[in-house]
Protein backbone atom coordinates (compact mmCIF):
# COMPACT_ATOMS: atom_id res chain seq x y z
CA UNK A 1 0.00 0.00 0.00
CA UNK A 2 1.55 3.36 -1.00
CA UNK A 3 2.20 5.96 1.65
CA UNK A 4 0.05 9.08 1.51
CA UNK A 5 1.82 11.96 -0.14
CA UNK A 6 2.49 14.83 2.24
CA UNK A 7 1.84 18.36 1.09
CA UNK A 8 2.82 21.80 2.32
CA UNK A 9 0.66 23.52 4.87
CA UNK A 10 -2.06 25.88 3.59
CA UNK A 11 -0.21 28.88 5.03
CA UNK A 12 2.94 27.95 3.08
CA UNK A 13 0.90 27.55 -0.12
CA UNK A 14 -0.60 30.99 0.42
CA UNK A 15 2.85 32.52 0.92
CA UNK A 16 3.99 30.99 -2.37
CA UNK A 17 0.88 32.36 -4.10
CA UNK A 18 1.35 35.80 -2.54
CA UNK A 19 4.95 35.96 -3.78
CA UNK A 20 3.81 34.91 -7.27
CA UNK A 21 1.17 37.67 -7.32
CA UNK A 22 3.73 40.25 -6.23
CA UNK A 23 6.32 39.02 -8.74
CA UNK A 24 3.84 39.13 -11.64
CA UNK A 25 2.49 42.52 -10.57
CA UNK A 26 5.86 44.19 -11.19
CA UNK A 27 7.59 41.94 -13.72
CA UNK A 28 4.92 40.76 -16.17
CA UNK A 29 4.87 40.64 -19.15
CA UNK A 30 8.71 40.52 -19.35
CA UNK A 31 8.69 37.64 -16.86
CA UNK A 32 5.77 35.75 -15.40
CA UNK A 33 5.80 33.11 -12.65
CA UNK A 34 3.42 30.16 -12.28
CA UNK A 35 3.38 27.34 -9.75
CA UNK A 36 3.73 23.99 -11.53
CA UNK A 37 4.17 21.53 -8.65
CA UNK A 38 4.67 21.27 -4.91
CA UNK A 39 5.27 18.68 -2.25
CA UNK A 40 6.13 18.72 1.45
CA UNK A 41 9.61 20.26 1.12
CA UNK A 42 9.81 21.88 -2.32
CA UNK A 43 7.94 23.46 -5.19
CA UNK A 44 8.60 24.34 -8.82
CA UNK A 45 7.89 27.65 -10.50
CA UNK A 46 7.76 28.08 -14.28
CA UNK A 47 9.14 31.44 -15.40
CA UNK A 48 8.14 32.52 -18.90
CA UNK A 49 8.38 35.71 -20.92
CA UNK A 50 10.67 37.76 -23.09
CA UNK A 51 12.94 38.60 -20.10
CA UNK A 52 14.57 42.02 -20.09
CA UNK A 53 17.77 41.85 -22.14
CA UNK A 54 19.65 44.23 -19.80
CA UNK A 55 18.63 42.29 -16.68
CA UNK A 56 20.35 39.04 -15.79
CA UNK A 57 18.23 36.01 -16.71
CA UNK A 58 18.91 34.34 -13.36
CA UNK A 59 18.21 37.55 -11.43
CA UNK A 60 14.48 36.94 -11.93
CA UNK A 61 14.72 33.72 -9.90
CA UNK A 62 16.65 35.44 -7.14
CA UNK A 63 14.06 38.24 -7.12
CA UNK A 64 11.33 35.66 -6.54
CA UNK A 65 13.38 34.08 -3.74
CA UNK A 66 13.63 37.51 -2.08
CA UNK A 67 9.85 37.96 -2.36
CA UNK A 68 9.42 34.60 -0.64
CA UNK A 69 11.64 35.82 2.21
CA UNK A 70 9.54 38.98 2.50
CA UNK A 71 6.41 36.88 3.08
CA UNK A 72 8.23 34.74 5.67
CA UNK A 73 9.31 31.72 3.62
CA UNK A 74 13.01 30.87 3.51
CA UNK A 75 14.06 28.86 0.45
CA UNK A 76 17.04 27.74 -1.58
CA UNK A 77 17.15 27.24 -5.33
CA UNK A 78 18.06 23.59 -5.80
CA UNK A 79 17.39 22.98 -9.49
CA UNK A 80 17.04 25.04 -12.63
CA UNK A 81 15.96 23.73 -16.01
CA UNK A 82 16.09 26.15 -18.94
CA UNK A 83 13.31 25.81 -21.50
CA UNK A 84 12.54 27.50 -24.82
CA UNK A 85 10.07 29.78 -23.02
CA UNK A 86 12.19 30.49 -19.93
CA UNK A 87 12.93 28.12 -17.04
CA UNK A 88 11.47 25.82 -14.42
CA UNK A 89 13.08 26.44 -11.03
CA UNK A 90 12.84 24.21 -7.97
CA UNK A 91 12.80 25.93 -4.58
CA UNK A 92 13.32 23.94 -1.40
CA UNK A 93 12.06 25.26 1.92
CA UNK A 94 14.68 25.86 4.61
CA UNK A 95 13.82 25.55 8.29
């Protein structure tokens, strides 16, 4: 029998969503963030857009990480997969 999959707490999910709203408010349409998956310890965000050519591509991911800190969620970037449209970035929560 498979073990039940654990998920993040509702308050953590809301913090992720709040940071996404704030990110998109100031950075869309050049860069837009969307939650693509989450589990107990990590989540993945898909970043898409034209991305400002004078800004560093990876700076967008660090900006999102800073927004997470501002809403009380400490994370580390643990994986980054570049795609034709942008990137999918895995963030792991830090206790």
